Amino acid sequence: MSTETEQEAPPTIPCTVVWSHGRPYVLEPGDSRWIGTDHRGRPQSLTTADLCRRGWSYHRMN
């Protein structure tokens, strides 16, 4: 299992859910974009590189 880290790349399987900064993100099929929401509930799209910089986990971390 992954902990929030910059060294490990997130999964590449579409529809996978990961957590970053307490928010869930889903990998869009064929787009290589992680879709979630910001702290105000507005849609947010992250690249894999963005997600790696922010840190991610398979489990919610507060």
N, C-alpha and C. Protein backbone atom coordinates (compact mmCIF):
# COMPACT_ATOMS: atom_id res chain seq x y z
N MET A 1 0.82 -1.18 0.00
CA MET A 1 0.00 0.00 0.00
C MET A 1 0.86 1.24 0.00
N SER A 2 0.29 2.26 -0.52
CA SER A 2 1.01 3.51 -0.67
C SER A 2 0.74 4.44 0.50
N THR A 3 1.75 5.18 0.89
CA THR A 3 1.55 6.29 1.81
C THR A 3 1.82 7.54 1.01
N GLU A 4 1.44 8.69 1.54
CA GLU A 4 1.67 9.91 0.78
C GLU A 4 3.16 10.12 0.63
N THR A 5 3.60 10.10 -0.63
CA THR A 5 5.02 10.21 -0.92
C THR A 5 5.21 10.77 -2.31
N GLU A 6 6.30 11.44 -2.53
CA GLU A 6 6.61 11.96 -3.84
C GLU A 6 7.36 10.95 -4.70
N GLN A 7 7.91 9.89 -4.10
CA GLN A 7 8.73 8.95 -4.83
C GLN A 7 7.91 7.93 -5.62
N GLU A 8 6.73 7.59 -5.16
CA GLU A 8 5.94 6.54 -5.79
C GLU A 8 4.89 7.14 -6.72
N ALA A 9 4.80 6.59 -7.94
CA ALA A 9 3.82 7.07 -8.91
C ALA A 9 2.45 6.48 -8.60
N PRO A 10 1.38 7.22 -8.84
CA PRO A 10 0.05 6.69 -8.61
C PRO A 10 -0.29 5.60 -9.63
N PRO A 11 -1.32 4.81 -9.39
CA PRO A 11 -1.69 3.73 -10.31
C PRO A 11 -2.13 4.28 -11.66
N THR A 12 -2.16 3.41 -12.66
CA THR A 12 -2.54 3.82 -14.01
C THR A 12 -3.82 3.15 -14.49
N ILE A 13 -4.51 2.43 -13.62
CA ILE A 13 -5.75 1.75 -13.97
C ILE A 13 -6.90 2.75 -13.92
N PRO A 14 -7.64 2.92 -15.04
CA PRO A 14 -8.76 3.87 -15.06
C PRO A 14 -9.77 3.59 -13.96
N CYS A 15 -10.38 4.63 -13.46
CA CYS A 15 -11.40 4.60 -12.41
C CYS A 15 -10.84 4.27 -11.03
N THR A 16 -9.53 4.24 -10.88
CA THR A 16 -8.91 4.05 -9.57
C THR A 16 -9.13 5.31 -8.74
N VAL A 17 -9.42 5.12 -7.46
CA VAL A 17 -9.61 6.25 -6.55
C VAL A 17 -8.40 6.34 -5.63
N VAL A 18 -7.83 7.53 -5.52
CA VAL A 18 -6.76 7.80 -4.56
C VAL A 18 -7.13 9.07 -3.80
N TRP A 19 -6.44 9.31 -2.70
CA TRP A 19 -6.69 10.48 -1.86
C TRP A 19 -5.48 11.39 -1.85
N SER A 20 -5.72 12.68 -1.88
CA SER A 20 -4.66 13.68 -1.79
C SER A 20 -5.20 14.88 -1.03
N HIS A 21 -4.51 15.29 0.00
CA HIS A 21 -4.93 16.42 0.83
C HIS A 21 -6.36 16.25 1.34
N GLY A 22 -6.73 15.01 1.69
CA GLY A 22 -8.05 14.75 2.25
C GLY A 22 -9.18 14.71 1.24
N ARG A 23 -8.87 14.75 -0.06
CA ARG A 23 -9.88 14.76 -1.11
C ARG A 23 -9.69 13.56 -2.03
N PRO A 24 -10.79 12.93 -2.49
CA PRO A 24 -10.67 11.79 -3.42
C PRO A 24 -10.47 12.27 -4.86
N TYR A 25 -9.68 11.52 -5.61
CA TYR A 25 -9.46 11.79 -7.04
C TYR A 25 -9.60 10.48 -7.80
N VAL A 26 -10.25 10.55 -8.96
CA VAL A 26 -10.49 9.37 -9.80
C VAL A 26 -9.76 9.56 -11.12
N LEU A 27 -9.07 8.51 -11.56
CA LEU A 27 -8.36 8.56 -12.84
C LEU A 27 -9.36 8.36 -13.97
N GLU A 28 -9.47 9.35 -14.84
CA GLU A 28 -10.37 9.29 -15.98
C GLU A 28 -9.83 8.32 -17.03
N PRO A 29 -10.67 7.46 -17.58
CA PRO A 29 -10.21 6.51 -18.62
C PRO A 29 -9.71 7.25 -19.86
N GLY A 30 -8.54 6.87 -20.32
CA GLY A 30 -7.97 7.41 -21.56
C GLY A 30 -7.52 8.85 -21.52
N ASP A 31 -7.61 9.51 -20.38
CA ASP A 31 -7.29 10.94 -20.31
C ASP A 31 -6.03 11.24 -19.51
N SER A 32 -5.62 10.31 -18.66
CA SER A 32 -4.47 10.52 -17.77
C SER A 32 -4.64 11.75 -16.89
N ARG A 33 -5.88 12.06 -16.54
CA ARG A 33 -6.18 13.16 -15.64
C ARG A 33 -6.89 12.63 -14.42
N TRP A 34 -6.52 13.16 -13.28
CA TRP A 34 -7.17 12.79 -12.02
C TRP A 34 -8.21 13.86 -11.72
N ILE A 35 -9.48 13.44 -11.56
CA ILE A 35 -10.58 14.37 -11.37
C ILE A 35 -11.07 14.28 -9.93
N GLY A 36 -11.22 15.44 -9.33
CA GLY A 36 -11.71 15.53 -7.95
C GLY A 36 -12.31 16.91 -7.74
N THR A 37 -12.31 17.35 -6.49
CA THR A 37 -12.81 18.68 -6.17
C THR A 37 -11.82 19.40 -5.25
N ASP A 38 -11.87 20.72 -5.29
CA ASP A 38 -11.02 21.49 -4.39
C ASP A 38 -11.72 21.62 -3.04
N HIS A 39 -11.16 22.41 -2.15
CA HIS A 39 -11.70 22.55 -0.79
C HIS A 39 -13.07 23.23 -0.75
N ARG A 40 -13.47 23.84 -1.87
CA ARG A 40 -14.80 24.48 -1.95
C ARG A 40 -15.80 23.64 -2.75
N GLY A 41 -15.39 22.44 -3.16
CA GLY A 41 -16.29 21.57 -3.91
C GLY A 41 -16.32 21.81 -5.40
N ARG A 42 -15.43 22.68 -5.89
CA ARG A 42 -15.37 22.95 -7.33
C ARG A 42 -14.56 21.86 -8.02
N PRO A 43 -14.94 21.49 -9.26
CA PRO A 43 -14.18 20.46 -9.98
C PRO A 43 -12.71 20.84 -10.12
N GLN A 44 -11.85 19.86 -9.98
CA GLN A 44 -10.42 20.08 -10.10
C GLN A 44 -9.81 18.91 -10.86
N SER A 45 -8.95 19.22 -11.80
CA SER A 45 -8.28 18.21 -12.60
C SER A 45 -6.78 18.30 -12.35
N LEU A 46 -6.15 17.15 -12.04
CA LEU A 46 -4.72 17.11 -11.79
C LEU A 46 -4.04 16.16 -12.77
N THR A 47 -2.84 16.49 -13.18
CA THR A 47 -2.05 15.54 -13.95
C THR A 47 -1.41 14.56 -12.96
N THR A 48 -0.86 13.48 -13.49
CA THR A 48 -0.16 12.53 -12.63
C THR A 48 1.00 13.21 -11.92
N ALA A 49 1.71 14.10 -12.62
CA ALA A 49 2.83 14.83 -12.01
C ALA A 49 2.34 15.71 -10.86
N ASP A 50 1.19 16.39 -11.05
CA ASP A 50 0.61 17.21 -9.98
C ASP A 50 0.30 16.36 -8.76
N LEU A 51 -0.31 15.21 -9.00
CA LEU A 51 -0.67 14.32 -7.91
C LEU A 51 0.57 13.82 -7.16
N CYS A 52 1.62 13.51 -7.89
CA CYS A 52 2.87 13.06 -7.27
C CYS A 52 3.47 14.16 -6.39
N ARG A 53 3.45 15.40 -6.88
CA ARG A 53 3.98 16.52 -6.10
C ARG A 53 3.18 16.75 -4.82
N ARG A 54 1.86 16.62 -4.92
CA ARG A 54 0.99 16.85 -3.76
C ARG A 54 1.05 15.71 -2.75
N GLY A 55 1.39 14.52 -3.21
CA GLY A 55 1.34 13.33 -2.37
C GLY A 55 -0.03 12.68 -2.48
N TRP A 56 -0.07 11.37 -2.37
CA TRP A 56 -1.33 10.65 -2.52
C TRP A 56 -1.30 9.37 -1.70
N SER A 57 -2.47 8.78 -1.52
CA SER A 57 -2.60 7.55 -0.75
C SER A 57 -3.84 6.80 -1.22
N TYR A 58 -3.87 5.49 -0.99
CA TYR A 58 -5.09 4.72 -1.25
C TYR A 58 -6.13 4.94 -0.16
N HIS A 59 -5.70 5.52 0.96
CA HIS A 59 -6.58 5.74 2.10
C HIS A 59 -6.61 7.21 2.46
N ARG A 60 -7.75 7.66 2.95
CA ARG A 60 -7.89 9.06 3.34
C ARG A 60 -7.00 9.36 4.54
N MET A 61 -6.23 10.43 4.43
CA MET A 61 -5.39 10.90 5.53
C MET A 61 -5.86 12.31 5.88
N ASN A 62 -6.11 12.58 7.12
CA ASN A 62 -6.55 13.92 7.52
C ASN A 62 -5.41 14.80 7.86
